[in-house]
Amino acid sequence: MKMIHKNHKGLTLVELLVALMILTVVVGATNAVIVQMLQSSRTSAHMVAIRQAQSAAYRLNCDVLQAQSVTNGSVADGGFPLNLTWTTWDSAEAHSVTYNLVNPSGDLYQLQREETITSGTGSTTVTTTVGLYIYRGTEPPRQTSCSWNNTAKVLTLNITVRAGQEVESRTYKIKPRPLVG
């Protein structure tokens, strides 16, 4: 048998096993981080979709609660545009609000709110976007729609929002304030 000389270079079996264990731990930790990042991205897109639906419904709810008159478009158009009107308690201002879906690109829409306030000094019109990533669908029945039931005095809003691959659908039933007097 030959004697191992101290100047021979190489790794022992123990050193290789220790290096292999360290490499396994590093690869496992990296894999866990990547999986967590992908899941976080999916959860984030899901939360964006939910918040968009809630934001649009909240703003619409605030206006419908005040409305004294509600009219909406045809069923084929998903009930849009939606027109709401009311006057302030002292009749000093008249409000006219129109909600409509506009299509900036692709199959996703934006829910826009246009409010005109008329008073003794003139009128002011303000347009704001209250919902993004709204999916309307290509054929009736629309996935995002609103319908006014004149008998029950209830507005039903069906809203579908898509953020990335995440899709959220919600249905809201909103009843305006009762008229007094």
N, C-alpha and C. Protein backbone atom coordinates (compact mmCIF):
# COMPACT_ATOMS: atom_id res chain seq x y z
N MET A 1 0.83 -1.19 0.00
CA MET A 1 0.00 0.00 0.00
C MET A 1 0.87 1.25 0.00
N LYS A 2 0.35 2.15 -0.72
CA LYS A 2 1.10 3.40 -0.78
C LYS A 2 0.63 4.29 0.36
N MET A 3 1.49 5.02 0.84
CA MET A 3 1.18 5.98 1.90
C MET A 3 0.66 7.28 1.25
N ILE A 4 -0.34 7.87 1.87
CA ILE A 4 -0.87 9.14 1.35
C ILE A 4 0.07 10.25 1.80
N HIS A 5 0.49 10.94 0.83
CA HIS A 5 1.41 12.03 1.14
C HIS A 5 0.61 13.29 1.46
N LYS A 6 1.18 14.09 2.29
CA LYS A 6 0.51 15.30 2.72
C LYS A 6 0.38 16.33 1.60
N ASN A 7 1.09 16.22 0.54
CA ASN A 7 1.01 17.22 -0.52
C ASN A 7 0.03 16.80 -1.62
N HIS A 8 -0.70 15.66 -1.46
CA HIS A 8 -1.74 15.30 -2.42
C HIS A 8 -2.94 16.21 -2.25
N LYS A 9 -3.52 16.62 -3.37
CA LYS A 9 -4.66 17.53 -3.30
C LYS A 9 -5.92 16.74 -3.64
N GLY A 10 -7.06 17.10 -2.98
CA GLY A 10 -8.33 16.43 -3.23
C GLY A 10 -9.24 16.57 -2.03
N LEU A 11 -10.44 16.06 -2.17
CA LEU A 11 -11.42 16.16 -1.09
C LEU A 11 -11.66 14.79 -0.50
N THR A 12 -11.88 14.80 0.78
CA THR A 12 -12.22 13.54 1.44
C THR A 12 -13.71 13.32 1.33
N LEU A 13 -14.14 12.10 1.64
CA LEU A 13 -15.57 11.77 1.58
C LEU A 13 -16.37 12.60 2.57
N VAL A 14 -15.83 12.86 3.72
CA VAL A 14 -16.52 13.67 4.74
C VAL A 14 -16.72 15.09 4.22
N GLU A 15 -15.73 15.66 3.62
CA GLU A 15 -15.85 17.02 3.07
C GLU A 15 -16.90 17.07 1.97
N LEU A 16 -16.95 16.07 1.12
CA LEU A 16 -17.97 16.03 0.07
C LEU A 16 -19.37 15.92 0.65
N LEU A 17 -19.56 15.10 1.67
CA LEU A 17 -20.88 14.96 2.31
C LEU A 17 -21.33 16.26 2.98
N VAL A 18 -20.44 16.96 3.63
CA VAL A 18 -20.76 18.24 4.27
C VAL A 18 -21.14 19.26 3.21
N ALA A 19 -20.39 19.33 2.12
CA ALA A 19 -20.70 20.27 1.04
C ALA A 19 -22.05 19.94 0.41
N LEU A 20 -22.34 18.67 0.24
CA LEU A 20 -23.63 18.25 -0.33
C LEU A 20 -24.79 18.63 0.58
N MET A 21 -24.62 18.49 1.89
CA MET A 21 -25.69 18.88 2.84
C MET A 21 -25.91 20.38 2.81
N ILE A 22 -24.85 21.15 2.76
CA ILE A 22 -24.98 22.62 2.71
C ILE A 22 -25.67 23.03 1.42
N LEU A 23 -25.30 22.42 0.31
CA LEU A 23 -25.94 22.72 -0.97
C LEU A 23 -27.42 22.38 -0.94
N THR A 24 -27.79 21.28 -0.32
CA THR A 24 -29.20 20.88 -0.20
C THR A 24 -29.99 21.91 0.60
N VAL A 25 -29.43 22.39 1.68
CA VAL A 25 -30.11 23.40 2.50
C VAL A 25 -30.30 24.69 1.71
N VAL A 26 -29.27 25.14 0.99
CA VAL A 26 -29.36 26.37 0.21
C VAL A 26 -30.40 26.24 -0.90
N VAL A 27 -30.40 25.12 -1.63
CA VAL A 27 -31.38 24.92 -2.70
C VAL A 27 -32.79 24.85 -2.13
N GLY A 28 -32.98 24.18 -1.00
CA GLY A 28 -34.29 24.10 -0.37
C GLY A 28 -34.81 25.47 0.06
N ALA A 29 -33.95 26.28 0.65
CA ALA A 29 -34.35 27.62 1.08
C ALA A 29 -34.69 28.49 -0.13
N THR A 30 -33.89 28.39 -1.18
CA THR A 30 -34.16 29.16 -2.40
C THR A 30 -35.50 28.76 -3.01
N ASN A 31 -35.75 27.48 -3.05
CA ASN A 31 -37.02 26.99 -3.59
C ASN A 31 -38.20 27.51 -2.77
N ALA A 32 -38.07 27.51 -1.44
CA ALA A 32 -39.15 28.01 -0.59
C ALA A 32 -39.41 29.50 -0.83
N VAL A 33 -38.37 30.27 -1.02
CA VAL A 33 -38.51 31.71 -1.28
C VAL A 33 -39.22 31.94 -2.62
N ILE A 34 -38.83 31.19 -3.64
CA ILE A 34 -39.45 31.35 -4.96
C ILE A 34 -40.92 30.99 -4.91
N VAL A 35 -41.26 29.89 -4.25
CA VAL A 35 -42.68 29.50 -4.12
C VAL A 35 -43.47 30.57 -3.38
N GLN A 36 -42.89 31.11 -2.31
CA GLN A 36 -43.57 32.15 -1.54
C GLN A 36 -43.77 33.41 -2.37
N MET A 37 -42.79 33.78 -3.18
CA MET A 37 -42.93 34.97 -4.03
C MET A 37 -44.03 34.78 -5.06
N LEU A 38 -44.09 33.60 -5.68
CA LEU A 38 -45.14 33.34 -6.66
C LEU A 38 -46.51 33.36 -6.01
N GLN A 39 -46.64 32.78 -4.83
CA GLN A 39 -47.91 32.78 -4.12
C GLN A 39 -48.30 34.19 -3.71
N SER A 40 -47.31 34.97 -3.28
CA SER A 40 -47.57 36.36 -2.88
C SER A 40 -48.07 37.18 -4.06
N SER A 41 -47.50 36.97 -5.24
CA SER A 41 -47.93 37.67 -6.43
C SER A 41 -49.38 37.32 -6.77
N ARG A 42 -49.72 36.06 -6.66
CA ARG A 42 -51.08 35.61 -6.95
C ARG A 42 -52.06 36.21 -5.93
N THR A 43 -51.67 36.20 -4.66
CA THR A 43 -52.52 36.77 -3.62
C THR A 43 -52.69 38.27 -3.84
N SER A 44 -51.63 38.95 -4.24
CA SER A 44 -51.70 40.38 -4.50
C SER A 44 -52.67 40.68 -5.64
N ALA A 45 -52.61 39.95 -6.73
CA ALA A 45 -53.53 40.15 -7.85
C ALA A 45 -54.97 39.87 -7.42
N HIS A 46 -55.14 38.87 -6.58
CA HIS A 46 -56.47 38.53 -6.07
C HIS A 46 -57.02 39.70 -5.23
N MET A 47 -56.19 40.28 -4.38
CA MET A 47 -56.62 41.40 -3.54
C MET A 47 -56.92 42.64 -4.38
N VAL A 48 -56.16 42.86 -5.43
CA VAL A 48 -56.43 43.99 -6.33
C VAL A 48 -57.82 43.82 -6.95
N ALA A 49 -58.13 42.62 -7.40
CA ALA A 49 -59.44 42.36 -8.01
C ALA A 49 -60.56 42.60 -7.01
N ILE A 50 -60.41 42.12 -5.79
CA ILE A 50 -61.45 42.31 -4.77
C ILE A 50 -61.62 43.79 -4.45
N ARG A 51 -60.52 44.50 -4.27
CA ARG A 51 -60.62 45.93 -3.92
C ARG A 51 -61.23 46.76 -5.04
N GLN A 52 -60.97 46.42 -6.28
CA GLN A 52 -61.57 47.15 -7.39
C GLN A 52 -63.08 46.96 -7.40
N ALA A 53 -63.53 45.74 -7.18
CA ALA A 53 -64.98 45.48 -7.13
C ALA A 53 -65.62 46.23 -5.96
N GLN A 54 -64.99 46.17 -4.81
CA GLN A 54 -65.53 46.85 -3.63
C GLN A 54 -65.53 48.36 -3.80
N SER A 55 -64.49 48.91 -4.37
CA SER A 55 -64.39 50.35 -4.56
C SER A 55 -65.49 50.86 -5.50
N ALA A 56 -65.68 50.17 -6.61
CA ALA A 56 -66.72 50.57 -7.57
C ALA A 56 -68.10 50.47 -6.93
N ALA A 57 -68.35 49.38 -6.21
CA ALA A 57 -69.66 49.19 -5.58
C ALA A 57 -69.90 50.21 -4.47
N TYR A 58 -68.87 50.56 -3.73
CA TYR A 58 -69.03 51.53 -2.65
C TYR A 58 -69.43 52.90 -3.19
N ARG A 59 -68.73 53.33 -4.23
CA ARG A 59 -69.05 54.66 -4.79
C ARG A 59 -70.45 54.68 -5.38
N LEU A 60 -70.81 53.62 -6.07
CA LEU A 60 -72.15 53.52 -6.64
C LEU A 60 -73.20 53.48 -5.53
N ASN A 61 -72.91 52.75 -4.47
CA ASN A 61 -73.82 52.67 -3.33
C ASN A 61 -74.08 54.05 -2.73
N CYS A 62 -73.03 54.85 -2.55
CA CYS A 62 -73.19 56.20 -1.99
C CYS A 62 -74.14 57.05 -2.84
N ASP A 63 -74.01 56.94 -4.16
CA ASP A 63 -74.86 57.74 -5.04
C ASP A 63 -76.30 57.21 -5.09
N VAL A 64 -76.46 55.90 -5.14
CA VAL A 64 -77.81 55.32 -5.22
C VAL A 64 -78.59 55.62 -3.95
N LEU A 65 -77.93 55.63 -2.80
CA LEU A 65 -78.61 55.93 -1.54
C LEU A 65 -79.22 57.33 -1.55
N GLN A 66 -78.63 58.25 -2.29
CA GLN A 66 -79.13 59.62 -2.36
C GLN A 66 -80.14 59.84 -3.50
N ALA A 67 -80.16 58.92 -4.44
CA ALA A 67 -80.91 59.13 -5.68
C ALA A 67 -82.42 59.25 -5.44
N GLN A 68 -83.01 60.19 -6.14
CA GLN A 68 -84.46 60.33 -6.17
C GLN A 68 -85.02 59.79 -7.47
N SER A 69 -84.14 59.65 -8.46
CA SER A 69 -84.55 59.11 -9.75
C SER A 69 -83.43 58.22 -10.27
N VAL A 70 -83.80 57.01 -10.74
CA VAL A 70 -82.82 56.06 -11.27
C VAL A 70 -83.33 55.56 -12.62
N THR A 71 -82.49 55.67 -13.63
CA THR A 71 -82.80 55.07 -14.94
C THR A 71 -81.53 54.42 -15.45
N ASN A 72 -81.73 53.32 -16.17
CA ASN A 72 -80.55 52.68 -16.73
C ASN A 72 -80.79 52.26 -18.16
N GLY A 73 -79.69 51.88 -18.83
CA GLY A 73 -79.73 51.51 -20.24
C GLY A 73 -80.36 50.15 -20.45
N SER A 74 -80.26 49.66 -21.67
CA SER A 74 -80.91 48.41 -22.06
C SER A 74 -80.17 47.21 -21.49
N VAL A 75 -80.88 46.09 -21.41
CA VAL A 75 -80.30 44.84 -20.93
C VAL A 75 -79.16 44.40 -21.83
N ALA A 76 -79.29 44.61 -23.14
CA ALA A 76 -78.24 44.23 -24.08
C ALA A 76 -76.93 44.98 -23.81
N ASP A 77 -77.04 46.18 -23.26
CA ASP A 77 -75.85 46.97 -22.92
C ASP A 77 -75.43 46.77 -21.47
N GLY A 78 -76.04 45.80 -20.80
CA GLY A 78 -75.69 45.54 -19.41
C GLY A 78 -76.26 46.56 -18.45
N GLY A 79 -77.25 47.34 -18.90
CA GLY A 79 -77.87 48.33 -18.02
C GLY A 79 -77.12 49.65 -17.94
N PHE A 80 -76.08 49.80 -18.73
CA PHE A 80 -75.32 51.05 -18.73
C PHE A 80 -75.67 51.85 -19.96
N PRO A 81 -75.68 53.17 -19.89
CA PRO A 81 -75.33 54.00 -18.76
C PRO A 81 -76.42 54.00 -17.69
N LEU A 82 -75.98 54.20 -16.46
CA LEU A 82 -76.87 54.30 -15.30
C LEU A 82 -76.94 55.77 -14.91
N ASN A 83 -78.15 56.31 -14.87
CA ASN A 83 -78.34 57.73 -14.55
C ASN A 83 -79.05 57.88 -13.21
N LEU A 84 -78.47 58.71 -12.34
CA LEU A 84 -79.03 58.97 -11.01
C LEU A 84 -79.18 60.48 -10.86
N THR A 85 -80.29 60.92 -10.31
CA THR A 85 -80.48 62.35 -10.07
C THR A 85 -81.07 62.57 -8.68
N TRP A 86 -80.72 63.70 -8.08
CA TRP A 86 -81.30 64.10 -6.81
C TRP A 86 -81.03 65.58 -6.59
N THR A 87 -81.80 66.16 -5.69
CA THR A 87 -81.58 67.54 -5.27
C THR A 87 -81.27 67.53 -3.78
N THR A 88 -80.54 68.53 -3.34
CA THR A 88 -80.22 68.62 -1.92
C THR A 88 -81.48 68.96 -1.14
N TRP A 89 -81.44 68.79 0.15
CA TRP A 89 -82.61 68.97 1.00
C TRP A 89 -83.21 70.37 0.89
N ASP A 90 -82.37 71.37 0.63
CA ASP A 90 -82.87 72.75 0.51
C ASP A 90 -83.08 73.17 -0.95
N SER A 91 -82.96 72.22 -1.87
CA SER A 91 -83.13 72.44 -3.31
C SER A 91 -82.14 73.45 -3.88
N ALA A 92 -81.03 73.65 -3.19
CA ALA A 92 -80.03 74.62 -3.66
C ALA A 92 -79.18 74.03 -4.79
N GLU A 93 -79.03 72.69 -4.81
CA GLU A 93 -78.22 72.05 -5.84
C GLU A 93 -78.95 70.85 -6.41
N ALA A 94 -78.77 70.68 -7.71
CA ALA A 94 -79.29 69.47 -8.38
C ALA A 94 -78.10 68.66 -8.85
N HIS A 95 -78.12 67.37 -8.54
CA HIS A 95 -77.02 66.48 -8.92
C HIS A 95 -77.51 65.51 -9.98
N SER A 96 -76.70 65.33 -11.00
CA SER A 96 -76.97 64.34 -12.04
C SER A 96 -75.70 63.52 -12.21
N VAL A 97 -75.79 62.21 -11.93
CA VAL A 97 -74.62 61.34 -11.99
C VAL A 97 -74.87 60.24 -13.02
N THR A 98 -73.91 60.02 -13.88
CA THR A 98 -74.00 58.98 -14.90
C THR A 98 -72.82 58.03 -14.74
N TYR A 99 -73.13 56.74 -14.62
CA TYR A 99 -72.10 55.70 -14.59
C TYR A 99 -72.10 55.02 -15.94
N ASN A 100 -70.90 54.82 -16.48
CA ASN A 100 -70.79 54.16 -17.78
C ASN A 100 -69.49 53.35 -17.83
N LEU A 101 -69.53 52.27 -18.59
CA LEU A 101 -68.32 51.47 -18.80
C LEU A 101 -67.63 51.97 -20.06
N VAL A 102 -66.35 52.30 -19.93
CA VAL A 102 -65.58 52.73 -21.09
C VAL A 102 -64.46 51.73 -21.31
N ASN A 103 -64.10 51.54 -22.56
CA ASN A 103 -63.13 50.51 -22.92
C ASN A 103 -61.86 51.17 -23.44
N PRO A 104 -60.87 51.37 -22.57
CA PRO A 104 -59.63 51.97 -23.06
C PRO A 104 -58.82 51.02 -23.94
N SER A 105 -58.89 49.70 -23.66
CA SER A 105 -58.17 48.73 -24.49
C SER A 105 -58.54 47.31 -24.09
N GLY A 106 -58.52 46.42 -25.07
CA GLY A 106 -58.75 45.00 -24.79
C GLY A 106 -60.16 44.71 -24.32
N ASP A 107 -60.28 43.67 -23.50
CA ASP A 107 -61.60 43.28 -23.01
C ASP A 107 -61.87 43.76 -21.60
N LEU A 108 -60.99 44.58 -21.04
CA LEU A 108 -61.20 45.14 -19.71
C LEU A 108 -61.69 46.58 -19.82
N TYR A 109 -62.61 46.93 -18.94
CA TYR A 109 -63.26 48.23 -18.97
C TYR A 109 -62.93 49.01 -17.71
N GLN A 110 -63.31 50.28 -17.73
CA GLN A 110 -63.25 51.14 -16.56
C GLN A 110 -64.66 51.63 -16.29
N LEU A 111 -65.03 51.68 -15.02
CA LEU A 111 -66.32 52.25 -14.64
C LEU A 111 -66.09 53.72 -14.34
N GLN A 112 -66.69 54.58 -15.19
CA GLN A 112 -66.52 56.02 -15.01
C GLN A 112 -67.78 56.65 -14.44
N ARG A 113 -67.57 57.64 -13.61
CA ARG A 113 -68.65 58.39 -12.97
C ARG A 113 -68.53 59.83 -13.41
N GLU A 114 -69.61 60.35 -13.99
CA GLU A 114 -69.63 61.75 -14.40
C GLU A 114 -70.74 62.44 -13.61
N GLU A 115 -70.36 63.43 -12.83
CA GLU A 115 -71.33 64.14 -12.00
C GLU A 115 -71.43 65.60 -12.45
N THR A 116 -72.66 66.05 -12.64
CA THR A 116 -72.92 67.45 -12.94
C THR A 116 -73.72 68.03 -11.78
N ILE A 117 -73.18 69.09 -11.18
CA ILE A 117 -73.85 69.77 -10.07
C ILE A 117 -74.31 71.13 -10.58
N THR A 118 -75.61 71.35 -10.48
CA THR A 118 -76.18 72.62 -10.95
C THR A 118 -76.71 73.38 -9.74
N SER A 119 -76.31 74.64 -9.65
CA SER A 119 -76.80 75.51 -8.57
C SER A 119 -77.14 76.86 -9.18
N GLY A 120 -77.50 77.80 -8.35
CA GLY A 120 -77.86 79.12 -8.82
C GLY A 120 -76.71 79.84 -9.50
N THR A 121 -75.49 79.43 -9.24
CA THR A 121 -74.32 80.11 -9.81
C THR A 121 -73.80 79.44 -11.08
N GLY A 122 -74.42 78.34 -11.52
CA GLY A 122 -73.96 77.65 -12.73
C GLY A 122 -73.86 76.15 -12.49
N SER A 123 -73.12 75.50 -13.37
CA SER A 123 -72.97 74.05 -13.21
C SER A 123 -71.51 73.65 -13.36
N THR A 124 -71.19 72.54 -12.73
CA THR A 124 -69.84 71.99 -12.75
C THR A 124 -69.94 70.51 -13.06
N THR A 125 -69.08 70.03 -13.96
CA THR A 125 -69.06 68.61 -14.29
C THR A 125 -67.69 68.03 -13.97
N VAL A 126 -67.71 66.89 -13.27
CA VAL A 126 -66.48 66.21 -12.88
C VAL A 126 -66.59 64.75 -13.30
N THR A 127 -65.56 64.24 -13.98
CA THR A 127 -65.51 62.84 -14.39
C THR A 127 -64.39 62.14 -13.64
N THR A 128 -64.73 61.00 -13.01
CA THR A 128 -63.73 60.21 -12.30
C THR A 128 -63.89 58.74 -12.66
N THR A 129 -62.81 58.00 -12.54
CA THR A 129 -62.84 56.56 -12.73
C THR A 129 -62.97 55.92 -11.36
N VAL A 130 -64.01 55.11 -11.18
CA VAL A 130 -64.25 54.49 -9.88
C VAL A 130 -63.92 53.01 -9.85
N GLY A 131 -63.64 52.42 -10.99
CA GLY A 131 -63.28 51.00 -11.01
C GLY A 131 -62.45 50.66 -12.24
N LEU A 132 -61.42 49.86 -12.02
CA LEU A 132 -60.54 49.42 -13.11
C LEU A 132 -60.66 47.91 -13.28
N TYR A 133 -60.13 47.40 -14.36
CA TYR A 133 -60.04 45.95 -14.62
C TYR A 133 -61.40 45.27 -14.65
N ILE A 134 -62.43 45.97 -15.06
CA ILE A 134 -63.78 45.41 -15.06
C ILE A 134 -63.99 44.60 -16.32
N TYR A 135 -64.41 43.36 -16.12
CA TYR A 135 -64.64 42.46 -17.24
C TYR A 135 -66.14 42.46 -17.54
N ARG A 136 -66.46 42.78 -18.77
CA ARG A 136 -67.86 42.93 -19.15
C ARG A 136 -68.43 41.69 -19.81
N GLY A 137 -67.62 40.94 -20.50
CA GLY A 137 -68.12 39.81 -21.27
C GLY A 137 -68.44 40.25 -22.68
N THR A 138 -68.49 39.30 -23.59
CA THR A 138 -68.68 39.66 -25.00
C THR A 138 -70.12 39.61 -25.45
N GLU A 139 -70.97 38.82 -24.78
CA GLU A 139 -72.36 38.69 -25.21
C GLU A 139 -73.28 38.74 -23.99
N PRO A 140 -74.53 39.18 -24.19
CA PRO A 140 -75.48 39.13 -23.08
C PRO A 140 -75.74 37.69 -22.66
N PRO A 141 -76.00 37.39 -21.42
CA PRO A 141 -76.03 38.35 -20.31
C PRO A 141 -74.62 38.79 -19.92
N ARG A 142 -74.47 40.05 -19.70
CA ARG A 142 -73.16 40.62 -19.39
C ARG A 142 -72.70 40.16 -18.01
N GLN A 143 -71.37 40.00 -17.85
CA GLN A 143 -70.84 39.61 -16.55
C GLN A 143 -70.80 40.80 -15.61
N THR A 144 -70.65 41.99 -16.15
CA THR A 144 -70.80 43.20 -15.35
C THR A 144 -72.02 43.92 -15.87
N SER A 145 -73.00 44.08 -14.99
CA SER A 145 -74.26 44.70 -15.41
C SER A 145 -74.94 45.33 -14.21
N CYS A 146 -75.91 46.18 -14.50
CA CYS A 146 -76.75 46.73 -13.45
C CYS A 146 -78.19 46.73 -13.96
N SER A 147 -79.10 46.52 -13.04
CA SER A 147 -80.51 46.53 -13.42
C SER A 147 -81.31 47.20 -12.31
N TRP A 148 -82.27 48.00 -12.72
CA TRP A 148 -83.12 48.73 -11.79
C TRP A 148 -84.49 48.07 -11.78
N ASN A 149 -84.93 47.66 -10.60
CA ASN A 149 -86.26 47.10 -10.42
C ASN A 149 -87.14 48.22 -9.89
N ASN A 150 -87.99 48.78 -10.76
CA ASN A 150 -88.80 49.93 -10.39
C ASN A 150 -89.87 49.57 -9.37
N THR A 151 -90.35 48.32 -9.37
CA THR A 151 -91.38 47.92 -8.41
C THR A 151 -90.79 47.82 -7.01
N ALA A 152 -89.68 47.11 -6.86
CA ALA A 152 -89.06 46.93 -5.55
C ALA A 152 -88.15 48.09 -5.17
N LYS A 153 -87.87 48.97 -6.14
CA LYS A 153 -86.95 50.11 -5.93
C LYS A 153 -85.59 49.62 -5.43
N VAL A 154 -85.00 48.69 -6.20
CA VAL A 154 -83.70 48.12 -5.86
C VAL A 154 -82.82 48.09 -7.11
N LEU A 155 -81.58 48.52 -6.96
CA LEU A 155 -80.59 48.42 -8.03
C LEU A 155 -79.73 47.20 -7.75
N THR A 156 -79.60 46.32 -8.72
CA THR A 156 -78.73 45.15 -8.59
C THR A 156 -77.52 45.37 -9.47
N LEU A 157 -76.35 45.32 -8.85
CA LEU A 157 -75.09 45.50 -9.57
C LEU A 157 -74.35 44.18 -9.53
N ASN A 158 -74.10 43.61 -10.70
CA ASN A 158 -73.24 42.43 -10.84
C ASN A 158 -71.93 42.93 -11.42
N ILE A 159 -70.84 42.71 -10.71
CA ILE A 159 -69.56 43.23 -11.18
C ILE A 159 -68.53 42.10 -11.19
N THR A 160 -67.81 42.00 -12.30
CA THR A 160 -66.73 41.03 -12.45
C THR A 160 -65.45 41.79 -12.74
N VAL A 161 -64.43 41.52 -11.96
CA VAL A 161 -63.15 42.21 -12.08
C VAL A 161 -62.06 41.18 -12.33
N ARG A 162 -61.15 41.49 -13.26
CA ARG A 162 -60.04 40.59 -13.54
C ARG A 162 -58.73 41.34 -13.42
N ALA A 163 -57.90 40.86 -12.50
CA ALA A 163 -56.55 41.41 -12.32
C ALA A 163 -55.57 40.27 -12.56
N GLY A 164 -54.84 40.33 -13.64
CA GLY A 164 -53.98 39.21 -14.02
C GLY A 164 -54.85 38.02 -14.39
N GLN A 165 -54.59 36.89 -13.77
CA GLN A 165 -55.40 35.70 -14.01
C GLN A 165 -56.50 35.55 -12.97
N GLU A 166 -56.53 36.45 -11.98
CA GLU A 166 -57.52 36.36 -10.90
C GLU A 166 -58.81 37.06 -11.31
N VAL A 167 -59.93 36.38 -11.13
CA VAL A 167 -61.25 36.92 -11.47
C VAL A 167 -62.12 36.88 -10.22
N GLU A 168 -62.75 37.99 -9.92
CA GLU A 168 -63.66 38.09 -8.79
C GLU A 168 -64.99 38.62 -9.28
N SER A 169 -66.07 38.01 -8.83
CA SER A 169 -67.42 38.48 -9.16
C SER A 169 -68.18 38.75 -7.87
N ARG A 170 -68.91 39.82 -7.86
CA ARG A 170 -69.72 40.20 -6.70
C ARG A 170 -71.08 40.69 -7.19
N THR A 171 -72.09 40.51 -6.35
CA THR A 171 -73.43 41.03 -6.61
C THR A 171 -73.83 41.91 -5.43
N TYR A 172 -74.27 43.12 -5.74
CA TYR A 172 -74.70 44.07 -4.72
C TYR A 172 -76.14 44.47 -5.01
N LYS A 173 -76.96 44.57 -3.97
CA LYS A 173 -78.31 45.07 -4.08
C LYS A 173 -78.38 46.36 -3.27
N ILE A 174 -78.76 47.44 -3.94
CA ILE A 174 -78.73 48.76 -3.31
C ILE A 174 -80.12 49.37 -3.44
N LYS A 175 -80.61 49.87 -2.31
CA LYS A 175 -81.93 50.49 -2.29
C LYS A 175 -81.76 51.96 -1.95
N PRO A 176 -82.31 52.88 -2.77
CA PRO A 176 -82.16 54.31 -2.47
C PRO A 176 -82.96 54.71 -1.24
N ARG A 177 -82.67 55.90 -0.77
CA ARG A 177 -83.38 56.42 0.41
C ARG A 177 -84.86 56.59 0.08
N PRO A 178 -85.71 56.40 1.07
CA PRO A 178 -87.14 56.65 0.82
C PRO A 178 -87.39 58.15 0.73
N LEU A 179 -88.28 58.54 -0.16
CA LEU A 179 -88.62 59.95 -0.28
C LEU A 179 -89.59 60.33 0.84
N VAL A 180 -89.32 61.44 1.48
CA VAL A 180 -90.16 61.92 2.57
C VAL A 180 -90.99 63.08 2.06
N GLY A 181 -92.25 63.06 2.44
CA GLY A 181 -93.10 64.19 2.10
C GLY A 181 -93.93 63.90 0.94
